[in-house]
N, C-alpha and C. Protein backbone atom coordinates (compact mmCIF):
# COMPACT_ATOMS: atom_id res chain seq x y z
N MET A 1 82.65 137.14 114.52
CA MET A 1 82.51 136.82 115.92
C MET A 1 81.15 137.36 116.39
N THR A 2 80.44 136.56 117.13
CA THR A 2 79.16 136.96 117.69
C THR A 2 79.35 137.44 119.11
N ALA A 3 78.65 138.51 119.44
CA ALA A 3 78.71 139.05 120.79
C ALA A 3 77.31 139.01 121.43
N ILE A 4 77.33 138.74 122.71
CA ILE A 4 76.10 138.80 123.46
C ILE A 4 76.24 139.77 124.60
N GLN A 5 75.16 140.35 125.06
CA GLN A 5 75.22 141.25 126.18
C GLN A 5 74.51 140.55 127.33
N LEU A 6 75.17 140.58 128.48
CA LEU A 6 74.61 139.94 129.68
C LEU A 6 74.27 141.05 130.68
N PRO A 7 73.26 140.81 131.50
CA PRO A 7 72.96 141.76 132.59
C PRO A 7 74.12 141.78 133.58
N ASP A 8 74.26 142.89 134.25
CA ASP A 8 75.40 143.09 135.15
C ASP A 8 75.50 141.99 136.21
N PHE A 9 74.38 141.51 136.76
CA PHE A 9 74.44 140.47 137.77
C PHE A 9 74.98 139.17 137.20
N GLN A 10 74.77 138.86 135.97
CA GLN A 10 75.31 137.68 135.38
C GLN A 10 76.79 137.80 135.14
N VAL A 11 77.20 138.99 134.68
CA VAL A 11 78.65 139.25 134.47
C VAL A 11 79.39 139.10 135.82
N ALA A 12 78.75 139.64 136.85
CA ALA A 12 79.43 139.58 138.18
C ALA A 12 79.53 138.12 138.65
N ALA A 13 78.52 137.30 138.38
CA ALA A 13 78.54 135.93 138.80
C ALA A 13 79.62 135.16 138.00
N LEU A 14 79.73 135.42 136.69
CA LEU A 14 80.74 134.77 135.91
C LEU A 14 82.17 135.22 136.33
N ALA A 15 82.30 136.51 136.63
CA ALA A 15 83.59 137.06 137.12
C ALA A 15 83.98 136.41 138.41
N ALA A 16 82.98 136.10 139.26
CA ALA A 16 83.32 135.48 140.55
C ALA A 16 83.80 134.01 140.30
N LYS A 17 83.16 133.33 139.35
CA LYS A 17 83.57 131.95 139.00
C LYS A 17 85.02 131.98 138.49
N ALA A 18 85.30 132.97 137.62
CA ALA A 18 86.64 133.07 137.06
C ALA A 18 87.67 133.38 138.15
N ALA A 19 87.31 134.27 139.05
CA ALA A 19 88.22 134.68 140.11
C ALA A 19 88.49 133.49 141.05
N ALA A 20 87.50 132.63 141.28
CA ALA A 20 87.68 131.46 142.11
C ALA A 20 88.73 130.52 141.56
N GLU A 21 88.92 130.59 140.24
CA GLU A 21 89.94 129.76 139.58
C GLU A 21 91.24 130.54 139.30
N GLY A 22 91.27 131.78 139.83
CA GLY A 22 92.46 132.59 139.70
C GLY A 22 92.63 133.21 138.34
N LEU A 23 91.51 133.42 137.60
CA LEU A 23 91.57 133.92 136.27
C LEU A 23 90.71 135.20 136.13
N THR A 24 91.08 136.01 135.13
CA THR A 24 90.19 137.14 134.80
C THR A 24 89.01 136.54 134.04
N LEU A 25 87.94 137.31 133.93
CA LEU A 25 86.78 136.85 133.23
C LEU A 25 87.11 136.57 131.74
N GLU A 26 87.90 137.41 131.15
CA GLU A 26 88.29 137.23 129.77
C GLU A 26 89.11 135.92 129.57
N ALA A 27 90.06 135.68 130.46
CA ALA A 27 90.85 134.48 130.38
C ALA A 27 90.00 133.22 130.63
N TRP A 28 89.10 133.35 131.62
CA TRP A 28 88.25 132.18 131.90
C TRP A 28 87.33 131.86 130.75
N LEU A 29 86.75 132.89 130.12
CA LEU A 29 85.90 132.63 128.93
C LEU A 29 86.71 132.10 127.73
N GLY A 30 87.94 132.56 127.60
CA GLY A 30 88.79 132.07 126.57
C GLY A 30 89.12 130.61 126.77
N GLN A 31 89.40 130.21 128.01
CA GLN A 31 89.66 128.84 128.34
C GLN A 31 88.41 127.98 128.13
N LEU A 32 87.25 128.49 128.52
CA LEU A 32 86.03 127.78 128.37
C LEU A 32 85.73 127.57 126.89
N ALA A 33 86.01 128.53 126.07
CA ALA A 33 85.71 128.44 124.63
C ALA A 33 86.51 127.32 123.96
N THR A 34 87.66 127.01 124.52
CA THR A 34 88.50 125.96 123.91
C THR A 34 88.17 124.57 124.43
N THR A 35 87.43 124.49 125.50
CA THR A 35 87.16 123.18 126.14
C THR A 35 85.71 122.73 125.90
N VAL A 36 84.83 123.62 125.56
CA VAL A 36 83.40 123.25 125.37
C VAL A 36 83.24 122.66 123.97
N PRO A 37 82.65 121.48 123.78
CA PRO A 37 82.49 120.97 122.46
C PRO A 37 81.61 121.87 121.59
N ARG A 38 81.88 121.90 120.31
CA ARG A 38 81.11 122.69 119.39
C ARG A 38 79.79 121.92 119.12
N ARG A 39 78.71 122.70 119.02
CA ARG A 39 77.40 122.10 118.77
C ARG A 39 76.83 122.60 117.45
N GLY A 40 76.20 121.72 116.71
CA GLY A 40 75.63 122.08 115.44
C GLY A 40 74.51 123.10 115.67
N ALA A 41 74.42 124.08 114.77
CA ALA A 41 73.42 125.16 114.93
C ALA A 41 71.99 124.59 114.87
N ARG A 42 71.76 123.67 113.98
CA ARG A 42 70.36 123.14 113.80
C ARG A 42 70.08 121.97 114.74
N THR A 43 71.03 121.11 114.94
CA THR A 43 70.75 119.85 115.68
C THR A 43 71.07 120.01 117.18
N GLY A 44 71.99 120.84 117.57
CA GLY A 44 72.44 120.95 118.91
C GLY A 44 73.39 119.82 119.33
N ARG A 45 73.68 118.91 118.38
CA ARG A 45 74.62 117.80 118.73
C ARG A 45 76.03 118.26 118.62
N VAL A 46 76.91 117.60 119.40
CA VAL A 46 78.30 117.91 119.36
C VAL A 46 78.86 117.53 117.99
N ARG A 47 79.69 118.40 117.44
CA ARG A 47 80.27 118.16 116.12
C ARG A 47 81.78 118.03 116.30
N TYR A 48 82.32 116.90 115.81
CA TYR A 48 83.74 116.68 115.89
C TYR A 48 84.35 116.70 114.50
N SER A 49 85.61 117.11 114.43
CA SER A 49 86.32 117.02 113.15
C SER A 49 86.85 115.60 112.99
N LEU A 50 87.18 115.22 111.82
CA LEU A 50 87.75 113.88 111.54
C LEU A 50 89.02 113.73 112.34
N GLU A 51 89.81 114.72 112.43
CA GLU A 51 91.09 114.70 113.16
C GLU A 51 90.82 114.42 114.68
N GLU A 52 89.76 114.99 115.23
CA GLU A 52 89.45 114.77 116.66
C GLU A 52 88.98 113.30 116.86
N LEU A 53 88.19 112.77 115.92
CA LEU A 53 87.71 111.39 116.04
C LEU A 53 88.86 110.41 115.91
N VAL A 54 89.75 110.63 114.95
CA VAL A 54 90.86 109.71 114.76
C VAL A 54 91.78 109.74 115.96
N ALA A 55 91.96 110.93 116.56
CA ALA A 55 92.81 111.05 117.75
C ALA A 55 92.27 110.18 118.94
N GLN A 56 91.02 109.88 118.95
CA GLN A 56 90.43 109.09 120.03
C GLN A 56 90.58 107.58 119.76
N CYS A 57 91.01 107.21 118.62
CA CYS A 57 91.10 105.79 118.20
C CYS A 57 92.41 105.16 118.78
N ASP A 58 92.34 103.86 119.08
CA ASP A 58 93.47 103.10 119.51
C ASP A 58 93.74 102.05 118.45
N PRO A 59 94.74 102.30 117.59
CA PRO A 59 95.00 101.35 116.48
C PRO A 59 95.46 99.99 116.96
N SER A 60 95.97 99.92 118.21
CA SER A 60 96.39 98.61 118.71
C SER A 60 95.24 97.85 119.45
N ALA A 61 94.07 98.38 119.46
CA ALA A 61 92.93 97.71 120.12
C ALA A 61 92.56 96.50 119.29
N PRO A 62 92.22 95.39 119.97
CA PRO A 62 91.84 94.17 119.20
C PRO A 62 90.49 94.39 118.53
N MET A 63 90.34 93.76 117.37
CA MET A 63 89.07 93.85 116.61
C MET A 63 88.09 92.88 117.19
N SER A 64 86.83 93.32 117.28
CA SER A 64 85.80 92.43 117.82
C SER A 64 85.45 91.40 116.77
N GLY A 65 84.91 90.30 117.20
CA GLY A 65 84.49 89.23 116.30
C GLY A 65 83.46 89.73 115.33
N GLU A 66 82.57 90.60 115.75
CA GLU A 66 81.55 91.14 114.91
C GLU A 66 82.15 91.99 113.79
N ASP A 67 83.12 92.82 114.17
CA ASP A 67 83.79 93.67 113.14
C ASP A 67 84.56 92.86 112.12
N ALA A 68 85.25 91.80 112.62
CA ALA A 68 86.01 90.95 111.72
C ALA A 68 85.09 90.21 110.79
N ALA A 69 83.93 89.73 111.26
CA ALA A 69 82.96 89.08 110.42
C ALA A 69 82.40 90.03 109.39
N TRP A 70 82.17 91.24 109.77
CA TRP A 70 81.60 92.23 108.81
C TRP A 70 82.62 92.53 107.73
N LEU A 71 83.89 92.69 108.11
CA LEU A 71 84.96 93.01 107.13
C LEU A 71 85.22 91.85 106.15
N ASN A 72 85.01 90.61 106.66
CA ASN A 72 85.30 89.44 105.82
C ASN A 72 84.10 88.96 105.05
N ASP A 73 82.91 89.55 105.26
CA ASP A 73 81.71 89.15 104.61
C ASP A 73 81.70 89.60 103.15
N GLN A 74 80.86 88.98 102.36
CA GLN A 74 80.71 89.35 100.93
C GLN A 74 79.79 90.60 100.84
N PRO A 75 79.97 91.41 99.84
CA PRO A 75 79.08 92.56 99.64
C PRO A 75 77.63 92.08 99.44
N VAL A 76 76.69 92.86 99.95
CA VAL A 76 75.31 92.49 99.87
C VAL A 76 74.53 93.50 99.03
N GLY A 77 75.15 94.55 98.66
CA GLY A 77 74.48 95.59 97.84
C GLY A 77 75.38 96.14 96.82
N ARG A 78 75.55 97.44 96.81
CA ARG A 78 76.39 98.07 95.79
C ARG A 78 77.69 98.55 96.39
N GLU A 79 78.24 97.86 97.44
CA GLU A 79 79.50 98.26 98.05
C GLU A 79 80.61 98.19 97.01
N ALA A 80 81.54 99.10 97.13
CA ALA A 80 82.70 99.14 96.18
C ALA A 80 83.91 98.40 96.74
N ILE A 81 83.72 97.69 97.82
CA ILE A 81 84.89 96.99 98.41
C ILE A 81 85.08 95.65 97.72
C-alpha cells in the first residue's frame, strides 16, 4: 500500500467534503477508492478487467450490419477463424 502525506489544510478540506456526505474521512476515502477507475501507471488510461468489460455487454443487443458482414467475410490474412 502506498501512503501520501497531505498538508493539514488539504486534510481539513477533504474531511469537510466527507462530513458533508455524513462520512468520516476514512470512510469517504474508502468509498472513493472503490468508485474511481484504475489508471495505468504509464499511460494514465483507465484499465478495466475482462470481467468488468463483459459485465457492460448486452448479449441480447442486435448485431449491426457492419459486424455481421465482418463475421461472415472470408479471412484476408492469417486469421485462425
